[in-house]
Amino acid sequence: MAGSTQKRFMALYLIPASVMDAWLATDPAERKAAETKMMGEWESWIAAHSTSILSTEAAGKTKSISSSGISDTRNDIVLYSIIVADSQEAAVEMFENHPHLQIPQSTIEIMAIRPM
């Protein structure tokens, strides 16, 4: 379990919308095989870092709110995790060989979570 000296971080898993669109157009059998392989790798990664991961959730349909109103929009965020680590550098090191990075043009961003 997380120690009291550990800090919380948000990991954003990003994939460009154009890459996701191309992936969804991939042959379903090819896509299923690749997704099954990656899910196994994800499960192994999660098991290896289970004491640091507080939650991982998928992003859904996105709305943009501004002074001009509300509209549907898209962004590159597909998942997020809340994790604990001793430092941002330690958090980043956890993700250096993450299976998500096998996806073309994908990235993972790690942000410190601070109280308001």
PDB file of N, CA and C in Angstrom:
ATOM      1  N   MET A   1       0.853  -1.183   0.000  1.00  0.00           N
ATOM      2  CA  MET A   1       0.000   0.000   0.000  1.00  0.00           C
ATOM      3  C   MET A   1       0.892   1.238   0.000  1.00  0.00           C
ATOM      4  N   ALA A   2       0.338   2.332  -0.457  1.00  0.00           N
ATOM      5  CA  ALA A   2       1.101   3.563  -0.597  1.00  0.00           C
ATOM      6  C   ALA A   2       1.555   4.095   0.753  1.00  0.00           C
ATOM      7  N   GLY A   3       2.812   4.476   0.816  1.00  0.00           N
ATOM      8  CA  GLY A   3       3.341   5.071   2.027  1.00  0.00           C
ATOM      9  C   GLY A   3       2.947   6.532   2.122  1.00  0.00           C
ATOM     10  N   SER A   4       3.009   7.097   3.324  1.00  0.00           N
ATOM     11  CA  SER A   4       2.573   8.477   3.527  1.00  0.00           C
ATOM     12  C   SER A   4       3.517   9.474   2.858  1.00  0.00           C
ATOM     13  N   THR A   5       4.741   9.087   2.547  1.00  0.00           N
ATOM     14  CA  THR A   5       5.671  10.004   1.895  1.00  0.00           C
ATOM     15  C   THR A   5       5.516   9.987   0.378  1.00  0.00           C
ATOM     16  N   GLN A   6       4.746   9.056  -0.134  1.00  0.00           N
ATOM     17  CA  GLN A   6       4.582   8.987  -1.582  1.00  0.00           C
ATOM     18  C   GLN A   6       3.613  10.064  -2.062  1.00  0.00           C
ATOM     19  N   LYS A   7       3.834  10.488  -3.277  1.00  0.00           N
ATOM     20  CA  LYS A   7       3.016  11.520  -3.909  1.00  0.00           C
ATOM     21  C   LYS A   7       2.122  10.875  -4.960  1.00  0.00           C
ATOM     22  N   ARG A   8       1.036  11.548  -5.284  1.00  0.00           N
ATOM     23  CA  ARG A   8       0.121  11.037  -6.314  1.00  0.00           C
ATOM     24  C   ARG A   8       0.416  11.698  -7.661  1.00  0.00           C
ATOM     25  N   PHE A   9       0.251  10.903  -8.727  1.00  0.00           N
ATOM     26  CA  PHE A   9       0.469  11.370 -10.086  1.00  0.00           C
ATOM     27  C   PHE A   9      -0.643  10.853 -10.978  1.00  0.00           C
ATOM     28  N   MET A  10      -0.909  11.605 -12.027  1.00  0.00           N
ATOM     29  CA  MET A  10      -1.856  11.173 -13.048  1.00  0.00           C
ATOM     30  C   MET A  10      -1.055  10.821 -14.295  1.00  0.00           C
ATOM     31  N   ALA A  11      -1.301   9.628 -14.806  1.00  0.00           N
ATOM     32  CA  ALA A  11      -0.687   9.202 -16.065  1.00  0.00           C
ATOM     33  C   ALA A  11      -1.771   9.272 -17.138  1.00  0.00           C
ATOM     34  N   LEU A  12      -1.530  10.057 -18.176  1.00  0.00           N
ATOM     35  CA  LEU A  12      -2.449  10.146 -19.306  1.00  0.00           C
ATOM     36  C   LEU A  12      -1.881   9.335 -20.451  1.00  0.00           C
ATOM     37  N   TYR A  13      -2.684   8.411 -20.958  1.00  0.00           N
ATOM     38  CA  TYR A  13      -2.297   7.587 -22.099  1.00  0.00           C
ATOM     39  C   TYR A  13      -2.911   8.226 -23.334  1.00  0.00           C
ATOM     40  N   LEU A  14      -2.070   8.650 -24.266  1.00  0.00           N
ATOM     41  CA  LEU A  14      -2.549   9.378 -25.444  1.00  0.00           C
ATOM     42  C   LEU A  14      -2.261   8.625 -26.733  1.00  0.00           C
ATOM     43  N   ILE A  15      -3.222   8.709 -27.642  1.00  0.00           N
ATOM     44  CA  ILE A  15      -3.074   8.186 -29.004  1.00  0.00           C
ATOM     45  C   ILE A  15      -3.747   9.204 -29.918  1.00  0.00           C
ATOM     46  N   PRO A  16      -3.069   9.695 -30.957  1.00  0.00           N
ATOM     47  CA  PRO A  16      -3.722  10.634 -31.872  1.00  0.00           C
ATOM     48  C   PRO A  16      -5.024  10.049 -32.428  1.00  0.00           C
ATOM     49  N   ALA A  17      -6.042  10.893 -32.510  1.00  0.00           N
ATOM     50  CA  ALA A  17      -7.348  10.443 -33.005  1.00  0.00           C
ATOM     51  C   ALA A  17      -7.232   9.798 -34.386  1.00  0.00           C
ATOM     52  N   SER A  18      -6.363  10.305 -35.238  1.00  0.00           N
ATOM     53  CA  SER A  18      -6.208   9.733 -36.586  1.00  0.00           C
ATOM     54  C   SER A  18      -5.652   8.308 -36.514  1.00  0.00           C
ATOM     55  N   VAL A  19      -4.771   8.045 -35.549  1.00  0.00           N
ATOM     56  CA  VAL A  19      -4.226   6.701 -35.369  1.00  0.00           C
ATOM     57  C   VAL A  19      -5.328   5.762 -34.870  1.00  0.00           C
ATOM     58  N   MET A  20      -6.149   6.243 -33.951  1.00  0.00           N
ATOM     59  CA  MET A  20      -7.278   5.428 -33.462  1.00  0.00           C
ATOM     60  C   MET A  20      -8.254   5.123 -34.593  1.00  0.00           C
ATOM     61  N   ASP A  21      -8.545   6.113 -35.422  1.00  0.00           N
ATOM     62  CA  ASP A  21      -9.461   5.896 -36.548  1.00  0.00           C
ATOM     63  C   ASP A  21      -8.913   4.836 -37.497  1.00  0.00           C
ATOM     64  N   ALA A  22      -7.621   4.922 -37.795  1.00  0.00           N
ATOM     65  CA  ALA A  22      -6.999   3.931 -38.682  1.00  0.00           C
ATOM     66  C   ALA A  22      -7.039   2.547 -38.045  1.00  0.00           C
ATOM     67  N   TRP A  23      -6.811   2.480 -36.733  1.00  0.00           N
ATOM     68  CA  TRP A  23      -6.828   1.208 -36.030  1.00  0.00           C
ATOM     69  C   TRP A  23      -8.219   0.586 -36.093  1.00  0.00           C
ATOM     70  N   LEU A  24      -9.243   1.389 -35.900  1.00  0.00           N
ATOM     71  CA  LEU A  24     -10.617   0.872 -35.937  1.00  0.00           C
ATOM     72  C   LEU A  24     -11.007   0.380 -37.331  1.00  0.00           C
ATOM     73  N   ALA A  25     -10.305   0.853 -38.350  1.00  0.00           N
ATOM     74  CA  ALA A  25     -10.556   0.410 -39.726  1.00  0.00           C
ATOM     75  C   ALA A  25      -9.755  -0.844 -40.084  1.00  0.00           C
ATOM     76  N   THR A  26      -8.892  -1.302 -39.171  1.00  0.00           N
ATOM     77  CA  THR A  26      -8.076  -2.498 -39.392  1.00  0.00           C
ATOM     78  C   THR A  26      -8.965  -3.737 -39.419  1.00  0.00           C
ATOM     79  N   ASP A  27      -8.555  -4.737 -40.168  1.00  0.00           N
ATOM     80  CA  ASP A  27      -9.280  -6.006 -40.226  1.00  0.00           C
ATOM     81  C   ASP A  27      -9.580  -6.485 -38.804  1.00  0.00           C
ATOM     82  N   PRO A  28     -10.844  -6.817 -38.493  1.00  0.00           N
ATOM     83  CA  PRO A  28     -11.213  -7.201 -37.132  1.00  0.00           C
ATOM     84  C   PRO A  28     -10.403  -8.364 -36.563  1.00  0.00           C
ATOM     85  N   ALA A  29     -10.063  -9.360 -37.356  1.00  0.00           N
ATOM     86  CA  ALA A  29      -9.291 -10.500 -36.857  1.00  0.00           C
ATOM     87  C   ALA A  29      -7.874 -10.054 -36.476  1.00  0.00           C
ATOM     88  N   GLU A  30      -7.266  -9.233 -37.306  1.00  0.00           N
ATOM     89  CA  GLU A  30      -5.922  -8.718 -37.016  1.00  0.00           C
ATOM     90  C   GLU A  30      -5.953  -7.849 -35.763  1.00  0.00           C
ATOM     91  N   ARG A  31      -6.970  -7.006 -35.656  1.00  0.00           N
ATOM     92  CA  ARG A  31      -7.102  -6.116 -34.504  1.00  0.00           C
ATOM     93  C   ARG A  31      -7.281  -6.925 -33.209  1.00  0.00           C
ATOM     94  N   LYS A  32      -8.135  -7.953 -33.254  1.00  0.00           N
ATOM     95  CA  LYS A  32      -8.387  -8.769 -32.060  1.00  0.00           C
ATOM     96  C   LYS A  32      -7.107  -9.460 -31.591  1.00  0.00           C
ATOM     97  N   ALA A  33      -6.340 -10.007 -32.524  1.00  0.00           N
ATOM     98  CA  ALA A  33      -5.091 -10.685 -32.152  1.00  0.00           C
ATOM     99  C   ALA A  33      -4.114  -9.706 -31.505  1.00  0.00           C
ATOM    100  N   ALA A  34      -3.971  -8.529 -32.079  1.00  0.00           N
ATOM    101  CA  ALA A  34      -3.051  -7.533 -31.526  1.00  0.00           C
ATOM    102  C   ALA A  34      -3.536  -7.036 -30.167  1.00  0.00           C
ATOM    103  N   GLU A  35      -4.844  -6.844 -30.036  1.00  0.00           N
ATOM    104  CA  GLU A  35      -5.399  -6.380 -28.765  1.00  0.00           C
ATOM    105  C   GLU A  35      -5.231  -7.435 -27.671  1.00  0.00           C
ATOM    106  N   THR A  36      -5.410  -8.695 -28.014  1.00  0.00           N
ATOM    107  CA  THR A  36      -5.233  -9.778 -27.044  1.00  0.00           C
ATOM    108  C   THR A  36      -3.785  -9.829 -26.559  1.00  0.00           C
ATOM    109  N   LYS A  37      -2.836  -9.712 -27.484  1.00  0.00           N
ATOM    110  CA  LYS A  37      -1.413  -9.707 -27.134  1.00  0.00           C
ATOM    111  C   LYS A  37      -1.103  -8.534 -26.203  1.00  0.00           C
ATOM    112  N   MET A  38      -1.567  -7.347 -26.565  1.00  0.00           N
ATOM    113  CA  MET A  38      -1.272  -6.167 -25.762  1.00  0.00           C
ATOM    114  C   MET A  38      -1.938  -6.247 -24.390  1.00  0.00           C
ATOM    115  N   MET A  39      -3.146  -6.787 -24.309  1.00  0.00           N
ATOM    116  CA  MET A  39      -3.816  -6.911 -23.009  1.00  0.00           C
ATOM    117  C   MET A  39      -3.018  -7.818 -22.075  1.00  0.00           C
ATOM    118  N   GLY A  40      -2.443  -8.887 -22.609  1.00  0.00           N
ATOM    119  CA  GLY A  40      -1.595  -9.749 -21.791  1.00  0.00           C
ATOM    120  C   GLY A  40      -0.384  -8.993 -21.261  1.00  0.00           C
ATOM    121  N   GLU A  41       0.214  -8.173 -22.108  1.00  0.00           N
ATOM    122  CA  GLU A  41       1.372  -7.374 -21.696  1.00  0.00           C
ATOM    123  C   GLU A  41       0.964  -6.321 -20.669  1.00  0.00           C
ATOM    124  N   TRP A  42      -0.207  -5.723 -20.857  1.00  0.00           N
ATOM    125  CA  TRP A  42      -0.727  -4.749 -19.890  1.00  0.00           C
ATOM    126  C   TRP A  42      -0.927  -5.424 -18.538  1.00  0.00           C
ATOM    127  N   GLU A  43      -1.548  -6.595 -18.544  1.00  0.00           N
ATOM    128  CA  GLU A  43      -1.802  -7.306 -17.287  1.00  0.00           C
ATOM    129  C   GLU A  43      -0.496  -7.613 -16.558  1.00  0.00           C
ATOM    130  N   SER A  44       0.528  -7.977 -17.299  1.00  0.00           N
ATOM    131  CA  SER A  44       1.837  -8.224 -16.685  1.00  0.00           C
ATOM    132  C   SER A  44       2.413  -6.940 -16.101  1.00  0.00           C
ATOM    133  N   TRP A  45       2.286  -5.833 -16.840  1.00  0.00           N
ATOM    134  CA  TRP A  45       2.785  -4.545 -16.363  1.00  0.00           C
ATOM    135  C   TRP A  45       2.035  -4.133 -15.101  1.00  0.00           C
ATOM    136  N   ILE A  46       0.717  -4.266 -15.101  1.00  0.00           N
ATOM    137  CA  ILE A  46      -0.090  -3.899 -13.936  1.00  0.00           C
ATOM    138  C   ILE A  46       0.301  -4.751 -12.730  1.00  0.00           C
ATOM    139  N   ALA A  47       0.495  -6.045 -12.931  1.00  0.00           N
ATOM    140  CA  ALA A  47       0.889  -6.925 -11.828  1.00  0.00           C
ATOM    141  C   ALA A  47       2.234  -6.492 -11.248  1.00  0.00           C
ATOM    142  N   ALA A  48       3.154  -6.100 -12.109  1.00  0.00           N
ATOM    143  CA  ALA A  48       4.485  -5.692 -11.651  1.00  0.00           C
ATOM    144  C   ALA A  48       4.447  -4.375 -10.874  1.00  0.00           C
ATOM    145  N   HIS A  49       3.421  -3.551 -11.110  1.00  0.00           N
ATOM    146  CA  HIS A  49       3.343  -2.226 -10.481  1.00  0.00           C
ATOM    147  C   HIS A  49       2.082  -2.057  -9.636  1.00  0.00           C
ATOM    148  N   SER A  50       1.489  -3.163  -9.225  1.00  0.00           N
ATOM    149  CA  SER A  50       0.187  -3.120  -8.549  1.00  0.00           C
ATOM    150  C   SER A  50       0.175  -2.282  -7.271  1.00  0.00           C
ATOM    151  N   THR A  51       1.278  -2.218  -6.554  1.00  0.00           N
ATOM    152  CA  THR A  51       1.282  -1.438  -5.316  1.00  0.00           C
ATOM    153  C   THR A  51       1.324   0.067  -5.576  1.00  0.00           C
ATOM    154  N   SER A  52       1.616   0.463  -6.803  1.00  0.00           N
ATOM    155  CA  SER A  52       1.694   1.890  -7.147  1.00  0.00           C
ATOM    156  C   SER A  52       0.462   2.401  -7.881  1.00  0.00           C
ATOM    157  N   ILE A  53      -0.372   1.512  -8.379  1.00  0.00           N
ATOM    158  CA  ILE A  53      -1.523   1.918  -9.195  1.00  0.00           C
ATOM    159  C   ILE A  53      -2.763   1.992  -8.310  1.00  0.00           C
ATOM    160  N   LEU A  54      -3.321   3.189  -8.189  1.00  0.00           N
ATOM    161  CA  LEU A  54      -4.548   3.357  -7.414  1.00  0.00           C
ATOM    162  C   LEU A  54      -5.780   3.079  -8.266  1.00  0.00           C
ATOM    163  N   SER A  55      -5.754   3.494  -9.531  1.00  0.00           N
ATOM    164  CA  SER A  55      -6.863   3.216 -10.447  1.00  0.00           C
ATOM    165  C   SER A  55      -6.422   3.468 -11.878  1.00  0.00           C
ATOM    166  N   THR A  56      -7.077   2.787 -12.804  1.00  0.00           N
ATOM    167  CA  THR A  56      -6.910   3.020 -14.239  1.00  0.00           C
ATOM    168  C   THR A  56      -8.300   2.988 -14.842  1.00  0.00           C
ATOM    169  N   GLU A  57      -8.617   4.003 -15.618  1.00  0.00           N
ATOM    170  CA  GLU A  57      -9.956   4.139 -16.209  1.00  0.00           C
ATOM    171  C   GLU A  57      -9.826   4.522 -17.679  1.00  0.00           C
ATOM    172  N   ALA A  58     -10.819   4.120 -18.463  1.00  0.00           N
ATOM    173  CA  ALA A  58     -10.869   4.492 -19.877  1.00  0.00           C
ATOM    174  C   ALA A  58     -11.585   5.825 -20.032  1.00  0.00           C
ATOM    175  N   ALA A  59     -11.104   6.632 -20.940  1.00  0.00           N
ATOM    176  CA  ALA A  59     -11.766   7.897 -21.255  1.00  0.00           C
ATOM    177  C   ALA A  59     -12.926   7.617 -22.209  1.00  0.00           C
ATOM    178  N   GLY A  60     -13.957   8.404 -22.119  1.00  0.00           N
ATOM    179  CA  GLY A  60     -15.130   8.215 -22.965  1.00  0.00           C
ATOM    180  C   GLY A  60     -15.388   9.416 -23.848  1.00  0.00           C
ATOM    181  N   LYS A  61     -16.626   9.539 -24.270  1.00  0.00           N
ATOM    182  CA  LYS A  61     -17.038  10.645 -25.128  1.00  0.00           C
ATOM    183  C   LYS A  61     -16.693  11.965 -24.442  1.00  0.00           C
ATOM    184  N   THR A  62     -16.204  12.929 -25.212  1.00  0.00           N
ATOM    185  CA  THR A  62     -15.704  14.181 -24.661  1.00  0.00           C
ATOM    186  C   THR A  62     -16.568  15.362 -25.059  1.00  0.00           C
ATOM    187  N   LYS A  63     -16.833  16.229 -24.114  1.00  0.00           N
ATOM    188  CA  LYS A  63     -17.538  17.495 -24.333  1.00  0.00           C
ATOM    189  C   LYS A  63     -16.577  18.622 -23.991  1.00  0.00           C
ATOM    190  N   SER A  64     -16.662  19.691 -24.734  1.00  0.00           N
ATOM    191  CA  SER A  64     -15.868  20.883 -24.481  1.00  0.00           C
ATOM    192  C   SER A  64     -16.812  21.977 -23.977  1.00  0.00           C
ATOM    193  N   ILE A  65     -16.438  22.610 -22.876  1.00  0.00           N
ATOM    194  CA  ILE A  65     -17.238  23.674 -22.300  1.00  0.00           C
ATOM    195  C   ILE A  65     -16.412  24.950 -22.321  1.00  0.00           C
ATOM    196  N   SER A  66     -16.982  26.000 -22.887  1.00  0.00           N
ATOM    197  CA  SER A  66     -16.313  27.297 -22.911  1.00  0.00           C
ATOM    198  C   SER A  66     -17.373  28.375 -22.683  1.00  0.00           C
ATOM    199  N   SER A  67     -16.941  29.617 -22.647  1.00  0.00           N
ATOM    200  CA  SER A  67     -17.900  30.718 -22.485  1.00  0.00           C
ATOM    201  C   SER A  67     -18.838  30.817 -23.684  1.00  0.00           C
ATOM    202  N   SER A  68     -18.465  30.167 -24.792  1.00  0.00           N
ATOM    203  CA  SER A  68     -19.310  30.167 -25.998  1.00  0.00           C
ATOM    204  C   SER A  68     -20.334  29.041 -25.990  1.00  0.00           C
ATOM    205  N   GLY A  69     -20.207  28.106 -25.059  1.00  0.00           N
ATOM    206  CA  GLY A  69     -21.166  27.019 -24.986  1.00  0.00           C
ATOM    207  C   GLY A  69     -20.513  25.662 -24.835  1.00  0.00           C
ATOM    208  N   ILE A  70     -21.291  24.642 -25.156  1.00  0.00           N
ATOM    209  CA  ILE A  70     -20.872  23.249 -25.012  1.00  0.00           C
ATOM    210  C   ILE A  70     -20.893  22.588 -26.380  1.00  0.00           C
ATOM    211  N   SER A  71     -19.858  21.793 -26.658  1.00  0.00           N
ATOM    212  CA  SER A  71     -19.812  21.101 -27.947  1.00  0.00           C
ATOM    213  C   SER A  71     -19.134  19.748 -27.784  1.00  0.00           C
ATOM    214  N   ASP A  72     -19.424  18.847 -28.721  1.00  0.00           N
ATOM    215  CA  ASP A  72     -18.709  17.579 -28.772  1.00  0.00           C
ATOM    216  C   ASP A  72     -17.311  17.855 -29.299  1.00  0.00           C
ATOM    217  N   THR A  73     -16.344  17.104 -28.805  1.00  0.00           N
ATOM    218  CA  THR A  73     -14.969  17.263 -29.270  1.00  0.00           C
ATOM    219  C   THR A  73     -14.239  15.934 -29.140  1.00  0.00           C
ATOM    220  N   ARG A  74     -13.024  15.879 -29.639  1.00  0.00           N
ATOM    221  CA  ARG A  74     -12.149  14.716 -29.485  1.00  0.00           C
ATOM    222  C   ARG A  74     -10.801  15.199 -29.018  1.00  0.00           C
ATOM    223  N   ASN A  75     -10.132  14.348 -28.267  1.00  0.00           N
ATOM    224  CA  ASN A  75      -8.745  14.621 -27.902  1.00  0.00           C
ATOM    225  C   ASN A  75      -7.990  13.293 -27.976  1.00  0.00           C
ATOM    226  N   ASP A  76      -6.749  13.306 -27.603  1.00  0.00           N
ATOM    227  CA  ASP A  76      -5.913  12.117 -27.738  1.00  0.00           C
ATOM    228  C   ASP A  76      -5.898  11.230 -26.494  1.00  0.00           C
ATOM    229  N   ILE A  77      -6.623  11.613 -25.438  1.00  0.00           N
ATOM    230  CA  ILE A  77      -6.616  10.849 -24.188  1.00  0.00           C
ATOM    231  C   ILE A  77      -7.516   9.624 -24.334  1.00  0.00           C
ATOM    232  N   VAL A  78      -6.950   8.432 -24.106  1.00  0.00           N
ATOM    233  CA  VAL A  78      -7.731   7.199 -24.188  1.00  0.00           C
ATOM    234  C   VAL A  78      -7.892   6.525 -22.832  1.00  0.00           C
ATOM    235  N   LEU A  79      -6.945   6.744 -21.921  1.00  0.00           N
ATOM    236  CA  LEU A  79      -6.986   6.167 -20.579  1.00  0.00           C
ATOM    237  C   LEU A  79      -6.281   7.122 -19.630  1.00  0.00           C
ATOM    238  N   TYR A  80      -6.534   6.908 -18.342  1.00  0.00           N
ATOM    239  CA  TYR A  80      -5.719   7.582 -17.341  1.00  0.00           C
ATOM    240  C   TYR A  80      -5.539   6.653 -16.155  1.00  0.00           C
ATOM    241  N   SER A  81      -4.456   6.844 -15.438  1.00  0.00           N
ATOM    242  CA  SER A  81      -4.198   6.117 -14.198  1.00  0.00           C
ATOM    243  C   SER A  81      -3.836   7.117 -13.121  1.00  0.00           C
ATOM    244  N   ILE A  82      -4.230   6.812 -11.900  1.00  0.00           N
ATOM    245  CA  ILE A  82      -3.753   7.542 -10.733  1.00  0.00           C
ATOM    246  C   ILE A  82      -2.775   6.596 -10.047  1.00  0.00           C
ATOM    247  N   ILE A  83      -1.558   7.088  -9.837  1.00  0.00           N
ATOM    248  CA  ILE A  83      -0.502   6.252  -9.265  1.00  0.00           C
ATOM    249  C   ILE A  83       0.163   6.976  -8.098  1.00  0.00           C
ATOM    250  N   VAL A  84       0.908   6.227  -7.329  1.00  0.00           N
ATOM    251  CA  VAL A  84       1.721   6.815  -6.270  1.00  0.00           C
ATOM    252  C   VAL A  84       3.179   6.435  -6.509  1.00  0.00           C
ATOM    253  N   ALA A  85       4.050   7.372  -6.175  1.00  0.00           N
ATOM    254  CA  ALA A  85       5.492   7.151  -6.308  1.00  0.00           C
ATOM    255  C   ALA A  85       6.200   8.141  -5.393  1.00  0.00           C
ATOM    256  N   ASP A  86       7.458   7.889  -5.137  1.00  0.00           N
ATOM    257  CA  ASP A  86       8.242   8.780  -4.282  1.00  0.00           C
ATOM    258  C   ASP A  86       8.524  10.117  -4.956  1.00  0.00           C
ATOM    259  N   SER A  87       8.598  10.128  -6.284  1.00  0.00           N
ATOM    260  CA  SER A  87       8.893  11.354  -7.028  1.00  0.00           C
ATOM    261  C   SER A  87       8.339  11.214  -8.444  1.00  0.00           C
ATOM    262  N   GLN A  88       8.292  12.338  -9.156  1.00  0.00           N
ATOM    263  CA  GLN A  88       7.839  12.285 -10.546  1.00  0.00           C
ATOM    264  C   GLN A  88       8.802  11.446 -11.383  1.00  0.00           C
ATOM    265  N   GLU A  89      10.088  11.544 -11.099  1.00  0.00           N
ATOM    266  CA  GLU A  89      11.069  10.754 -11.827  1.00  0.00           C
ATOM    267  C   GLU A  89      10.821   9.261 -11.628  1.00  0.00           C
ATOM    268  N   ALA A  90      10.511   8.869 -10.393  1.00  0.00           N
ATOM    269  CA  ALA A  90      10.211   7.454 -10.117  1.00  0.00           C
ATOM    270  C   ALA A  90       8.939   7.028 -10.839  1.00  0.00           C
ATOM    271  N   ALA A  91       7.952   7.910 -10.895  1.00  0.00           N
ATOM    272  CA  ALA A  91       6.714   7.600 -11.612  1.00  0.00           C
ATOM    273  C   ALA A  91       6.990   7.412 -13.101  1.00  0.00           C
ATOM    274  N   VAL A  92       7.778   8.307 -13.665  1.00  0.00           N
ATOM    275  CA  VAL A  92       8.113   8.221 -15.094  1.00  0.00           C
ATOM    276  C   VAL A  92       8.837   6.912 -15.397  1.00  0.00           C
ATOM    277  N   GLU A  93       9.769   6.529 -14.544  1.00  0.00           N
ATOM    278  CA  GLU A  93      10.531   5.292 -14.765  1.00  0.00           C
ATOM    279  C   GLU A  93       9.623   4.067 -14.848  1.00  0.00           C
ATOM    280  N   MET A  94       8.518   4.074 -14.111  1.00  0.00           N
ATOM    281  CA  MET A  94       7.577   2.946 -14.158  1.00  0.00           C
ATOM    282  C   MET A  94       7.031   2.734 -15.568  1.00  0.00           C
ATOM    283  N   PHE A  95       6.924   3.811 -16.346  1.00  0.00           N
ATOM    284  CA  PHE A  95       6.253   3.768 -17.641  1.00  0.00           C
ATOM    285  C   PHE A  95       7.210   3.683 -18.834  1.00  0.00           C
ATOM    286  N   GLU A  96       8.505   3.630 -18.598  1.00  0.00           N
ATOM    287  CA  GLU A  96       9.479   3.683 -19.696  1.00  0.00           C
ATOM    288  C   GLU A  96       9.282   2.595 -20.749  1.00  0.00           C
ATOM    289  N   ASN A  97       8.893   1.407 -20.379  1.00  0.00           N
ATOM    290  CA  ASN A  97       8.694   0.319 -21.347  1.00  0.00           C
ATOM    291  C   ASN A  97       7.246  -0.171 -21.335  1.00  0.00           C
ATOM    292  N   HIS A  98       6.332   0.733 -21.106  1.00  0.00           N
ATOM    293  CA  HIS A  98       4.910   0.374 -21.005  1.00  0.00           C
ATOM    294  C   HIS A  98       4.391  -0.138 -22.353  1.00  0.00           C
ATOM    295  N   PRO A  99       3.534  -1.178 -22.354  1.00  0.00           N
ATOM    296  CA  PRO A  99       2.984  -1.717 -23.605  1.00  0.00           C
ATOM    297  C   PRO A  99       2.247  -0.686 -24.458  1.00  0.00           C
ATOM    298  N   HIS A 100       1.666   0.325 -23.845  1.00  0.00           N
ATOM    299  CA  HIS A 100       0.959   1.373 -24.610  1.00  0.00           C
ATOM    300  C   HIS A 100       1.875   2.014 -25.650  1.00  0.00           C
ATOM    301  N   LEU A 101       3.152   2.087 -25.356  1.00  0.00           N
ATOM    302  CA  LEU A 101       4.087   2.774 -26.248  1.00  0.00           C
ATOM    303  C   LEU A 101       4.377   1.988 -27.526  1.00  0.00           C
ATOM    304  N   GLN A 102       3.837   0.773 -27.647  1.00  0.00           N
ATOM    305  CA  GLN A 102       3.945   0.012 -28.895  1.00  0.00           C
ATOM    306  C   GLN A 102       3.024   0.582 -29.975  1.00  0.00           C
ATOM    307  N   ILE A 103       2.030   1.336 -29.570  1.00  0.00           N
ATOM    308  CA  ILE A 103       1.066   1.910 -30.511  1.00  0.00           C
ATOM    309  C   ILE A 103       1.738   3.081 -31.221  1.00  0.00           C
ATOM    310  N   PRO A 104       1.671   3.137 -32.546  1.00  0.00           N
ATOM    311  CA  PRO A 104       2.319   4.234 -33.273  1.00  0.00           C
ATOM    312  C   PRO A 104       1.875   5.608 -32.753  1.00  0.00           C
ATOM    313  N   GLN A 105       2.826   6.493 -32.567  1.00  0.00           N
ATOM    314  CA  GLN A 105       2.625   7.881 -32.159  1.00  0.00           C
ATOM    315  C   GLN A 105       2.004   8.032 -30.765  1.00  0.00           C
ATOM    316  N   SER A 106       1.953   6.951 -29.986  1.00  0.00           N
ATOM    317  CA  SER A 106       1.372   7.049 -28.651  1.00  0.00           C
ATOM    318  C   SER A 106       2.369   7.661 -27.678  1.00  0.00           C
ATOM    319  N   THR A 107       1.833   8.253 -26.624  1.00  0.00           N
ATOM    320  CA  THR A 107       2.660   8.818 -25.564  1.00  0.00           C
ATOM    321  C   THR A 107       1.963   8.579 -24.230  1.00  0.00           C
ATOM    322  N   ILE A 108       2.725   8.754 -23.162  1.00  0.00           N
ATOM    323  CA  ILE A 108       2.194   8.739 -21.807  1.00  0.00           C
ATOM    324  C   ILE A 108       2.738   9.992 -21.130  1.00  0.00           C
ATOM    325  N   GLU A 109       1.847  10.772 -20.543  1.00  0.00           N
ATOM    326  CA  GLU A 109       2.249  11.977 -19.825  1.00  0.00           C
ATOM    327  C   GLU A 109       1.995  11.760 -18.337  1.00  0.00           C
ATOM    328  N   ILE A 110       2.962  12.129 -17.522  1.00  0.00           N
ATOM    329  CA  ILE A 110       2.867  11.966 -16.068  1.00  0.00           C
ATOM    330  C   ILE A 110       2.819  13.342 -15.427  1.00  0.00           C
ATOM    331  N   MET A 111       1.746  13.623 -14.711  1.00  0.00           N
ATOM    332  CA  MET A 111       1.568  14.913 -14.059  1.00  0.00           C
ATOM    333  C   MET A 111       1.426  14.722 -12.561  1.00  0.00           C
ATOM    334  N   ALA A 112       2.060  15.590 -11.799  1.00  0.00           N
ATOM    335  CA  ALA A 112       1.888  15.590 -10.351  1.00  0.00           C
ATOM    336  C   ALA A 112       0.460  16.025 -10.033  1.00  0.00           C
ATOM    337  N   ILE A 113      -0.140  15.385  -9.018  1.00  0.00           N
ATOM    338  CA  ILE A 113      -1.450  15.802  -8.524  1.00  0.00           C
ATOM    339  C   ILE A 113      -1.189  16.564  -7.232  1.00  0.00           C
ATOM    340  N   ARG A 114      -1.658  17.792  -7.197  1.00  0.00           N
ATOM    341  CA  ARG A 114      -1.438  18.633  -6.017  1.00  0.00           C
ATOM    342  C   ARG A 114      -2.777  19.052  -5.424  1.00  0.00           C
ATOM    343  N   PRO A 115      -2.839  19.184  -4.117  1.00  0.00           N
ATOM    344  CA  PRO A 115      -4.064  19.692  -3.510  1.00  0.00           C
ATOM    345  C   PRO A 115      -4.320  21.133  -3.945  1.00  0.00           C
ATOM    346  N   MET A 116      -5.561  21.473  -4.037  1.00  0.00           N
ATOM    347  CA  MET A 116      -5.900  22.865  -4.434  1.00  0.00           C
ATOM    348  C   MET A 116      -5.932  23.757  -3.221  1.00  0.00           C
TER     349      MET A 116
END
